[in-house]
Amino acid sequence: DYFDPLGLADDPDTFAELKVKEIKNGRLAMFAMFGFYVQSIVTGEGPVQNWLDHLEAPGAVNGLTNIYATKFSP
């Protein structure tokens, strides 16, 4: 089965719980990737460069200070 390839859930209740957790984890991962895409569109740089810029000046480069200063125009 797709949700339990190692056969760790012998109990049907445990299997149902693991299946729901896997689906929720996948949805969270998709939302995180969407955040990377939006960040790249807004700043014009990739996530690694944005992270390095933030590490260099955390108070000046963060999500709250850069909300209105974007290169994105609809």
N, C-alpha and C. Protein backbone atom coordinates (compact mmCIF):
# COMPACT_ATOMS: atom_id res chain seq x y z
N ASP A 1 0.83 -1.19 0.00
CA ASP A 1 0.00 0.00 0.00
C ASP A 1 0.88 1.25 0.00
N TYR A 2 0.36 2.34 -0.54
CA TYR A 2 1.15 3.56 -0.70
C TYR A 2 1.46 4.25 0.62
N PHE A 3 0.55 4.18 1.57
CA PHE A 3 0.74 4.91 2.82
C PHE A 3 1.53 4.14 3.86
N ASP A 4 1.75 2.87 3.66
CA ASP A 4 2.49 2.06 4.63
C ASP A 4 3.38 1.04 3.91
N PRO A 5 4.41 1.51 3.20
CA PRO A 5 5.23 0.58 2.43
C PRO A 5 6.06 -0.35 3.30
N LEU A 6 6.35 0.03 4.54
CA LEU A 6 7.15 -0.83 5.41
C LEU A 6 6.29 -1.76 6.27
N GLY A 7 4.99 -1.63 6.19
CA GLY A 7 4.10 -2.49 6.96
C GLY A 7 4.16 -2.23 8.45
N LEU A 8 4.29 -0.98 8.86
CA LEU A 8 4.41 -0.64 10.28
C LEU A 8 3.07 -0.57 10.99
N ALA A 9 2.00 -0.41 10.27
CA ALA A 9 0.69 -0.28 10.89
C ALA A 9 -0.12 -1.56 10.68
N ASP A 10 -0.04 -2.44 11.65
CA ASP A 10 -0.82 -3.68 11.57
C ASP A 10 -2.28 -3.44 11.95
N ASP A 11 -2.51 -2.47 12.82
CA ASP A 11 -3.84 -2.14 13.30
C ASP A 11 -4.52 -1.18 12.31
N PRO A 12 -5.76 -1.44 11.92
CA PRO A 12 -6.45 -0.54 10.98
C PRO A 12 -6.60 0.89 11.52
N ASP A 13 -6.78 1.04 12.83
CA ASP A 13 -6.91 2.38 13.40
C ASP A 13 -5.59 3.14 13.30
N THR A 14 -4.49 2.45 13.57
CA THR A 14 -3.17 3.07 13.44
C THR A 14 -2.91 3.43 11.98
N PHE A 15 -3.31 2.56 11.07
CA PHE A 15 -3.12 2.82 9.65
C PHE A 15 -3.88 4.06 9.23
N ALA A 16 -5.12 4.21 9.67
CA ALA A 16 -5.92 5.38 9.33
C ALA A 16 -5.29 6.65 9.88
N GLU A 17 -4.76 6.57 11.11
CA GLU A 17 -4.11 7.72 11.72
C GLU A 17 -2.84 8.11 10.95
N LEU A 18 -2.02 7.13 10.58
CA LEU A 18 -0.81 7.41 9.82
C LEU A 18 -1.13 7.98 8.43
N LYS A 19 -2.19 7.51 7.85
CA LYS A 19 -2.59 8.00 6.53
C LYS A 19 -2.97 9.48 6.60
N VAL A 20 -3.74 9.86 7.62
CA VAL A 20 -4.13 11.26 7.79
C VAL A 20 -2.90 12.12 8.06
N LYS A 21 -1.97 11.63 8.89
CA LYS A 21 -0.75 12.39 9.19
C LYS A 21 0.09 12.60 7.93
N GLU A 22 0.17 11.60 7.09
CA GLU A 22 0.96 11.71 5.86
C GLU A 22 0.34 12.72 4.90
N ILE A 23 -0.97 12.72 4.79
CA ILE A 23 -1.65 13.68 3.92
C ILE A 23 -1.45 15.10 4.44
N LYS A 24 -1.57 15.29 5.76
CA LYS A 24 -1.36 16.62 6.35
C LYS A 24 0.08 17.07 6.15
N ASN A 25 1.03 16.18 6.27
CA ASN A 25 2.43 16.52 6.07
C ASN A 25 2.68 16.95 4.62
N GLY A 26 2.07 16.26 3.69
CA GLY A 26 2.21 16.62 2.28
C GLY A 26 1.61 17.98 1.97
N ARG A 27 0.47 18.28 2.58
CA ARG A 27 -0.15 19.59 2.36
C ARG A 27 0.71 20.70 2.94
N LEU A 28 1.30 20.47 4.10
CA LEU A 28 2.18 21.46 4.71
C LEU A 28 3.41 21.70 3.85
N ALA A 29 3.95 20.63 3.28
CA ALA A 29 5.12 20.76 2.40
C ALA A 29 4.76 21.55 1.14
N MET A 30 3.57 21.33 0.58
CA MET A 30 3.15 22.08 -0.60
C MET A 30 2.98 23.56 -0.27
N PHE A 31 2.44 23.87 0.90
CA PHE A 31 2.27 25.25 1.31
C PHE A 31 3.63 25.92 1.52
N ALA A 32 4.60 25.19 2.06
CA ALA A 32 5.95 25.74 2.25
C ALA A 32 6.60 26.04 0.90
N MET A 33 6.44 25.17 -0.07
CA MET A 33 6.99 25.42 -1.40
C MET A 33 6.32 26.64 -2.05
N PHE A 34 5.04 26.79 -1.82
CA PHE A 34 4.33 27.97 -2.32
C PHE A 34 4.94 29.24 -1.72
N GLY A 35 5.31 29.18 -0.45
CA GLY A 35 5.98 30.30 0.19
C GLY A 35 7.30 30.64 -0.46
N PHE A 36 8.07 29.62 -0.84
CA PHE A 36 9.32 29.85 -1.56
C PHE A 36 9.07 30.56 -2.89
N TYR A 37 8.04 30.13 -3.61
CA TYR A 37 7.73 30.74 -4.90
C TYR A 37 7.33 32.20 -4.74
N VAL A 38 6.48 32.48 -3.77
CA VAL A 38 6.03 33.86 -3.54
C VAL A 38 7.22 34.73 -3.12
N GLN A 39 8.06 34.21 -2.25
CA GLN A 39 9.24 34.95 -1.81
C GLN A 39 10.14 35.29 -2.99
N SER A 40 10.32 34.37 -3.89
CA SER A 40 11.15 34.60 -5.06
C SER A 40 10.54 35.64 -5.99
N ILE A 41 9.23 35.60 -6.16
CA ILE A 41 8.55 36.57 -7.01
C ILE A 41 8.64 37.97 -6.41
N VAL A 42 8.43 38.07 -5.11
CA VAL A 42 8.39 39.37 -4.44
C VAL A 42 9.77 40.00 -4.37
N THR A 43 10.79 39.24 -4.00
CA THR A 43 12.12 39.82 -3.80
C THR A 43 12.99 39.76 -5.04
N GLY A 44 12.68 38.91 -5.97
CA GLY A 44 13.50 38.76 -7.16
C GLY A 44 14.76 37.95 -6.92
N GLU A 45 14.87 37.32 -5.76
CA GLU A 45 16.02 36.48 -5.42
C GLU A 45 15.52 35.13 -4.90
N GLY A 46 16.42 34.18 -4.84
CA GLY A 46 16.06 32.86 -4.34
C GLY A 46 16.03 32.80 -2.82
N PRO A 47 15.52 31.71 -2.27
CA PRO A 47 15.40 31.60 -0.82
C PRO A 47 16.74 31.59 -0.09
N VAL A 48 17.77 31.02 -0.70
CA VAL A 48 19.07 30.97 -0.02
C VAL A 48 19.66 32.37 0.10
N GLN A 49 19.57 33.16 -0.98
CA GLN A 49 20.09 34.52 -0.93
C GLN A 49 19.30 35.37 0.06
N ASN A 50 17.98 35.19 0.11
CA ASN A 50 17.18 35.92 1.09
C ASN A 50 17.57 35.54 2.51
N TRP A 51 17.84 34.29 2.75
CA TRP A 51 18.25 33.82 4.08
C TRP A 51 19.61 34.42 4.45
N LEU A 52 20.55 34.42 3.50
CA LEU A 52 21.86 35.01 3.78
C LEU A 52 21.75 36.51 4.06
N ASP A 53 20.90 37.20 3.32
CA ASP A 53 20.68 38.63 3.58
C ASP A 53 20.10 38.84 4.98
N HIS A 54 19.18 37.97 5.38
CA HIS A 54 18.59 38.08 6.70
C HIS A 54 19.62 37.81 7.80
N LEU A 55 20.50 36.83 7.58
CA LEU A 55 21.53 36.54 8.58
C LEU A 55 22.51 37.69 8.72
N GLU A 56 22.75 38.39 7.64
CA GLU A 56 23.67 39.53 7.66
C GLU A 56 23.09 40.71 8.45
N ALA A 57 21.81 40.97 8.30
CA ALA A 57 21.16 42.10 8.99
C ALA A 57 19.73 41.70 9.37
N PRO A 58 19.56 40.95 10.47
CA PRO A 58 18.22 40.44 10.80
C PRO A 58 17.18 41.51 11.09
N GLY A 59 17.60 42.63 11.64
CA GLY A 59 16.64 43.68 11.95
C GLY A 59 16.20 44.46 10.73
N ALA A 60 17.02 44.50 9.71
CA ALA A 60 16.72 45.29 8.52
C ALA A 60 16.11 44.47 7.39
N VAL A 61 16.38 43.18 7.38
CA VAL A 61 15.88 42.32 6.30
C VAL A 61 15.05 41.20 6.91
N ASN A 62 13.74 41.44 6.95
CA ASN A 62 12.82 40.40 7.41
C ASN A 62 11.46 40.62 6.76
N GLY A 63 10.54 39.76 7.00
CA GLY A 63 9.24 39.84 6.35
C GLY A 63 8.46 41.09 6.71
N LEU A 64 8.63 41.59 7.91
CA LEU A 64 7.86 42.77 8.31
C LEU A 64 8.41 44.05 7.72
N THR A 65 9.70 44.13 7.54
CA THR A 65 10.29 45.37 6.99
C THR A 65 10.22 45.42 5.48
N ASN A 66 10.03 44.31 4.83
CA ASN A 66 10.04 44.28 3.37
C ASN A 66 8.67 44.06 2.75
N ILE A 67 7.62 44.21 3.51
CA ILE A 67 6.27 43.94 2.96
C ILE A 67 5.93 44.91 1.84
N TYR A 68 6.20 46.19 2.04
CA TYR A 68 5.78 47.17 1.04
C TYR A 68 6.90 47.53 0.07
N ALA A 69 8.12 47.17 0.37
CA ALA A 69 9.25 47.49 -0.52
C ALA A 69 9.55 46.29 -1.39
N THR A 70 8.72 46.07 -2.40
CA THR A 70 8.87 44.90 -3.26
C THR A 70 9.09 45.32 -4.70
N LYS A 71 9.57 44.40 -5.49
CA LYS A 71 9.75 44.61 -6.92
C LYS A 71 8.56 44.09 -7.71
N PHE A 72 7.60 43.54 -7.01
CA PHE A 72 6.45 42.91 -7.66
C PHE A 72 5.39 43.96 -7.94
N SER A 73 4.90 44.01 -9.15
CA SER A 73 3.78 44.91 -9.47
C SER A 73 2.76 44.10 -10.25
N PRO A 74 1.51 44.09 -9.79
CA PRO A 74 0.48 43.28 -10.46
C PRO A 74 0.08 43.80 -11.82
